[in-house]
Amino acid sequence: MKNLEKAGIELIPLKEKVRGVLAGFNVCLTGTLSSISRQRAKEVIENEGGHFNSEITSSTNIVVVGANPGSKYQKARERGMEIWDEEKFLRKLSLK
C-alpha cells in the first residue's frame, strides 16, 4: 500500500454497501403528503438507501403520489413507472 502511495496512486476507500428498503431505487414525490413533510420523506428515502429525485428522470423507479399531484404523476403514468400512494409508502417504510 505504501509503495502504491509513493508511486502517486491515490487510494480511495470503498463505500459501505447501501442497505434499506429503498436501496438502489430513485424515488420522486408529487402532490401533498398529509402525514409526513416533504423534507422528512426525503430524509427517510435517503436513510433507507434510496436516492431522492425532485423531478421525474429516466432513472426514476418509484413515484410517491400525495393529494393534488401535479404533472409528475401524469408523466409517471405515461412512462409506466411504479406509483405508490402515501399509505403504501408509509407501510413499506414501516412508518404506519
N, C-alpha and C. Protein backbone atom coordinates (compact mmCIF):
# COMPACT_ATOMS: atom_id res chain seq x y z
N MET A 1 0.82 -1.18 0.00
CA MET A 1 0.00 0.00 0.00
C MET A 1 0.87 1.25 0.00
N LYS A 2 1.88 1.24 0.85
CA LYS A 2 2.76 2.41 0.92
C LYS A 2 3.49 2.61 -0.40
N ASN A 3 3.89 1.51 -1.04
CA ASN A 3 4.57 1.62 -2.34
C ASN A 3 3.64 2.23 -3.39
N LEU A 4 2.37 1.87 -3.34
CA LEU A 4 1.41 2.43 -4.28
C LEU A 4 1.27 3.94 -4.05
N GLU A 5 1.18 4.33 -2.78
CA GLU A 5 1.07 5.74 -2.46
C GLU A 5 2.32 6.51 -2.89
N LYS A 6 3.50 5.91 -2.69
CA LYS A 6 4.76 6.53 -3.10
C LYS A 6 4.82 6.69 -4.61
N ALA A 7 4.20 5.76 -5.32
CA ALA A 7 4.19 5.81 -6.78
C ALA A 7 3.18 6.83 -7.30
N GLY A 8 2.44 7.48 -6.39
CA GLY A 8 1.49 8.51 -6.80
C GLY A 8 0.09 8.00 -7.07
N ILE A 9 -0.17 6.77 -6.69
CA ILE A 9 -1.50 6.21 -6.89
C ILE A 9 -2.36 6.54 -5.68
N GLU A 10 -3.47 7.23 -5.95
CA GLU A 10 -4.36 7.63 -4.86
C GLU A 10 -5.28 6.47 -4.50
N LEU A 11 -5.30 6.13 -3.24
CA LEU A 11 -6.16 5.05 -2.76
C LEU A 11 -7.46 5.66 -2.25
N ILE A 12 -8.57 5.18 -2.77
CA ILE A 12 -9.88 5.68 -2.38
C ILE A 12 -10.62 4.57 -1.66
N PRO A 13 -11.06 4.83 -0.42
CA PRO A 13 -11.78 3.77 0.32
C PRO A 13 -13.10 3.44 -0.36
N LEU A 14 -13.47 2.16 -0.29
CA LEU A 14 -14.74 1.72 -0.84
C LEU A 14 -15.87 2.21 0.02
N LYS A 15 -16.96 2.59 -0.62
CA LYS A 15 -18.14 2.99 0.13
C LYS A 15 -18.79 1.77 0.75
N GLU A 16 -19.37 2.00 1.90
CA GLU A 16 -20.11 0.93 2.56
C GLU A 16 -21.33 0.59 1.71
N LYS A 17 -21.64 -0.68 1.60
CA LYS A 17 -22.80 -1.10 0.81
C LYS A 17 -24.08 -0.51 1.41
N VAL A 18 -24.86 0.11 0.55
CA VAL A 18 -26.09 0.76 1.00
C VAL A 18 -27.17 -0.30 1.22
N ARG A 19 -27.83 -0.21 2.35
CA ARG A 19 -28.90 -1.15 2.67
C ARG A 19 -30.15 -0.39 3.04
N GLY A 20 -31.25 -1.05 2.92
CA GLY A 20 -32.52 -0.45 3.30
C GLY A 20 -33.59 -0.85 2.31
N VAL A 21 -34.81 -0.55 2.65
CA VAL A 21 -35.97 -0.91 1.84
C VAL A 21 -35.87 -0.31 0.44
N LEU A 22 -35.28 0.88 0.33
CA LEU A 22 -35.22 1.57 -0.96
C LEU A 22 -33.82 1.55 -1.59
N ALA A 23 -32.95 0.68 -1.10
CA ALA A 23 -31.59 0.62 -1.63
C ALA A 23 -31.61 0.41 -3.14
N GLY A 24 -30.92 1.30 -3.84
CA GLY A 24 -30.82 1.19 -5.28
C GLY A 24 -31.96 1.82 -6.06
N PHE A 25 -32.95 2.36 -5.37
CA PHE A 25 -34.10 2.96 -6.05
C PHE A 25 -34.00 4.48 -6.07
N ASN A 26 -34.47 5.06 -7.16
CA ASN A 26 -34.60 6.51 -7.30
C ASN A 26 -36.07 6.84 -7.12
N VAL A 27 -36.36 7.71 -6.15
CA VAL A 27 -37.73 7.99 -5.75
C VAL A 27 -38.05 9.47 -5.95
N CYS A 28 -39.22 9.74 -6.50
CA CYS A 28 -39.70 11.10 -6.71
C CYS A 28 -41.04 11.27 -5.99
N LEU A 29 -41.27 12.44 -5.43
CA LEU A 29 -42.53 12.74 -4.75
C LEU A 29 -43.32 13.75 -5.57
N THR A 30 -44.65 13.60 -5.57
CA THR A 30 -45.51 14.60 -6.18
C THR A 30 -46.79 14.72 -5.37
N GLY A 31 -47.32 15.91 -5.30
CA GLY A 31 -48.52 16.14 -4.50
C GLY A 31 -48.17 16.40 -3.05
N THR A 32 -49.20 16.55 -2.24
CA THR A 32 -49.03 16.87 -0.82
C THR A 32 -49.23 15.62 0.02
N LEU A 33 -48.23 15.29 0.81
CA LEU A 33 -48.35 14.16 1.74
C LEU A 33 -48.98 14.69 3.02
N SER A 34 -49.99 14.00 3.53
CA SER A 34 -50.74 14.50 4.69
C SER A 34 -50.11 14.15 6.03
N SER A 35 -49.34 13.09 6.10
CA SER A 35 -48.85 12.64 7.41
C SER A 35 -47.35 12.79 7.60
N ILE A 36 -46.65 13.31 6.60
CA ILE A 36 -45.21 13.45 6.70
C ILE A 36 -44.79 14.63 5.81
N SER A 37 -43.87 15.43 6.28
CA SER A 37 -43.42 16.57 5.48
C SER A 37 -42.55 16.07 4.32
N ARG A 38 -42.44 16.86 3.30
CA ARG A 38 -41.61 16.51 2.14
C ARG A 38 -40.16 16.34 2.57
N GLN A 39 -39.68 17.22 3.45
CA GLN A 39 -38.29 17.13 3.92
C GLN A 39 -38.08 15.83 4.69
N ARG A 40 -39.02 15.48 5.55
CA ARG A 40 -38.90 14.22 6.31
C ARG A 40 -38.97 13.02 5.38
N ALA A 41 -39.84 13.07 4.37
CA ALA A 41 -39.94 11.98 3.40
C ALA A 41 -38.61 11.81 2.66
N LYS A 42 -38.00 12.91 2.28
CA LYS A 42 -36.69 12.86 1.61
C LYS A 42 -35.65 12.20 2.51
N GLU A 43 -35.63 12.60 3.79
CA GLU A 43 -34.69 12.01 4.75
C GLU A 43 -34.90 10.51 4.89
N VAL A 44 -36.17 10.10 4.99
CA VAL A 44 -36.49 8.68 5.14
C VAL A 44 -36.03 7.90 3.90
N ILE A 45 -36.30 8.44 2.72
CA ILE A 45 -35.88 7.79 1.47
C ILE A 45 -34.38 7.57 1.49
N GLU A 46 -33.63 8.61 1.82
CA GLU A 46 -32.17 8.51 1.82
C GLU A 46 -31.67 7.60 2.93
N ASN A 47 -32.31 7.63 4.10
CA ASN A 47 -31.91 6.74 5.20
C ASN A 47 -32.16 5.27 4.86
N GLU A 48 -33.12 5.03 3.98
CA GLU A 48 -33.44 3.65 3.56
C GLU A 48 -32.68 3.25 2.30
N GLY A 49 -31.64 4.03 1.96
CA GLY A 49 -30.77 3.66 0.86
C GLY A 49 -31.21 4.15 -0.50
N GLY A 50 -32.32 4.86 -0.56
CA GLY A 50 -32.81 5.37 -1.84
C GLY A 50 -32.19 6.71 -2.19
N HIS A 51 -32.42 7.12 -3.41
CA HIS A 51 -31.97 8.43 -3.87
C HIS A 51 -33.21 9.26 -4.18
N PHE A 52 -33.27 10.46 -3.62
CA PHE A 52 -34.42 11.34 -3.83
C PHE A 52 -34.22 12.14 -5.09
N ASN A 53 -35.21 12.12 -5.97
CA ASN A 53 -35.23 12.95 -7.18
C ASN A 53 -36.35 13.97 -7.02
N SER A 54 -36.06 15.23 -7.29
CA SER A 54 -37.11 16.24 -7.22
C SER A 54 -37.93 16.26 -8.51
N GLU A 55 -37.39 15.69 -9.56
CA GLU A 55 -38.07 15.62 -10.86
C GLU A 55 -38.07 14.18 -11.36
N ILE A 56 -38.99 13.88 -12.26
CA ILE A 56 -39.02 12.58 -12.93
C ILE A 56 -37.86 12.55 -13.92
N THR A 57 -37.05 11.51 -13.84
CA THR A 57 -35.96 11.32 -14.79
C THR A 57 -36.04 9.91 -15.34
N SER A 58 -35.19 9.61 -16.29
CA SER A 58 -35.19 8.25 -16.85
C SER A 58 -34.75 7.22 -15.82
N SER A 59 -34.09 7.67 -14.75
CA SER A 59 -33.65 6.73 -13.72
C SER A 59 -34.64 6.59 -12.56
N THR A 60 -35.74 7.34 -12.59
CA THR A 60 -36.73 7.26 -11.51
C THR A 60 -37.40 5.89 -11.54
N ASN A 61 -37.44 5.24 -10.38
CA ASN A 61 -38.06 3.92 -10.26
C ASN A 61 -39.44 3.97 -9.63
N ILE A 62 -39.59 4.84 -8.62
CA ILE A 62 -40.83 4.90 -7.84
C ILE A 62 -41.28 6.36 -7.73
N VAL A 63 -42.56 6.59 -7.94
CA VAL A 63 -43.14 7.91 -7.75
C VAL A 63 -44.18 7.79 -6.63
N VAL A 64 -43.97 8.56 -5.57
CA VAL A 64 -44.90 8.58 -4.44
C VAL A 64 -45.86 9.75 -4.67
N VAL A 65 -47.16 9.42 -4.68
CA VAL A 65 -48.18 10.40 -5.03
C VAL A 65 -49.03 10.75 -3.81
N GLY A 66 -49.09 12.05 -3.52
CA GLY A 66 -49.94 12.56 -2.45
C GLY A 66 -51.17 13.21 -3.06
N ALA A 67 -51.84 14.02 -2.25
CA ALA A 67 -53.05 14.72 -2.70
C ALA A 67 -52.68 15.80 -3.73
N ASN A 68 -53.55 15.99 -4.70
CA ASN A 68 -53.38 17.01 -5.73
C ASN A 68 -52.03 16.91 -6.45
N PRO A 69 -51.72 15.74 -7.00
CA PRO A 69 -50.43 15.59 -7.69
C PRO A 69 -50.40 16.46 -8.94
N GLY A 70 -49.21 16.85 -9.31
CA GLY A 70 -49.03 17.69 -10.48
C GLY A 70 -48.72 16.87 -11.72
N SER A 71 -48.01 17.49 -12.63
CA SER A 71 -47.71 16.86 -13.91
C SER A 71 -46.77 15.66 -13.78
N LYS A 72 -46.04 15.58 -12.67
CA LYS A 72 -45.14 14.44 -12.46
C LYS A 72 -45.93 13.13 -12.42
N TYR A 73 -47.12 13.18 -11.84
CA TYR A 73 -47.96 11.98 -11.76
C TYR A 73 -48.34 11.51 -13.16
N GLN A 74 -48.77 12.43 -13.99
CA GLN A 74 -49.15 12.07 -15.36
C GLN A 74 -47.95 11.53 -16.13
N LYS A 75 -46.81 12.16 -15.95
CA LYS A 75 -45.58 11.72 -16.63
C LYS A 75 -45.21 10.30 -16.19
N ALA A 76 -45.34 10.03 -14.90
CA ALA A 76 -45.03 8.70 -14.37
C ALA A 76 -45.97 7.65 -14.96
N ARG A 77 -47.25 7.99 -15.06
CA ARG A 77 -48.24 7.06 -15.65
C ARG A 77 -47.91 6.78 -17.10
N GLU A 78 -47.59 7.83 -17.85
CA GLU A 78 -47.26 7.68 -19.26
C GLU A 78 -46.03 6.81 -19.47
N ARG A 79 -45.08 6.89 -18.56
CA ARG A 79 -43.84 6.12 -18.68
C ARG A 79 -43.92 4.75 -18.04
N GLY A 80 -45.06 4.43 -17.42
CA GLY A 80 -45.25 3.11 -16.81
C GLY A 80 -44.41 2.89 -15.57
N MET A 81 -44.12 3.96 -14.85
CA MET A 81 -43.31 3.85 -13.64
C MET A 81 -44.14 3.30 -12.48
N GLU A 82 -43.46 2.75 -11.51
CA GLU A 82 -44.15 2.25 -10.32
C GLU A 82 -44.64 3.43 -9.50
N ILE A 83 -45.92 3.42 -9.16
CA ILE A 83 -46.54 4.52 -8.43
C ILE A 83 -47.06 4.00 -7.09
N TRP A 84 -46.65 4.68 -6.03
CA TRP A 84 -47.12 4.35 -4.69
C TRP A 84 -47.95 5.51 -4.16
N ASP A 85 -49.06 5.19 -3.50
CA ASP A 85 -49.77 6.25 -2.79
C ASP A 85 -49.09 6.43 -1.43
N GLU A 86 -49.51 7.43 -0.70
CA GLU A 86 -48.87 7.74 0.58
C GLU A 86 -48.95 6.57 1.55
N GLU A 87 -50.08 5.90 1.58
CA GLU A 87 -50.25 4.77 2.51
C GLU A 87 -49.25 3.65 2.22
N LYS A 88 -49.08 3.32 0.96
CA LYS A 88 -48.12 2.27 0.60
C LYS A 88 -46.70 2.69 0.95
N PHE A 89 -46.36 3.94 0.69
CA PHE A 89 -45.05 4.48 1.02
C PHE A 89 -44.77 4.32 2.52
N LEU A 90 -45.72 4.73 3.35
CA LEU A 90 -45.56 4.63 4.80
C LEU A 90 -45.48 3.19 5.27
N ARG A 91 -46.29 2.33 4.68
CA ARG A 91 -46.30 0.92 5.04
C ARG A 91 -44.96 0.25 4.68
N LYS A 92 -44.47 0.51 3.48
CA LYS A 92 -43.20 -0.09 3.04
C LYS A 92 -42.04 0.32 3.94
N LEU A 93 -42.11 1.55 4.45
CA LEU A 93 -41.04 2.07 5.29
C LEU A 93 -41.31 1.87 6.78
N SER A 94 -42.34 1.10 7.08
CA SER A 94 -42.74 0.79 8.47
C SER A 94 -43.00 2.06 9.28
N LEU A 95 -43.56 3.07 8.63
CA LEU A 95 -43.92 4.30 9.32
C LEU A 95 -45.39 4.32 9.70
N LYS A 96 -46.11 3.28 9.28
CA LYS A 96 -47.54 3.21 9.59
C LYS A 96 -47.87 1.81 10.06
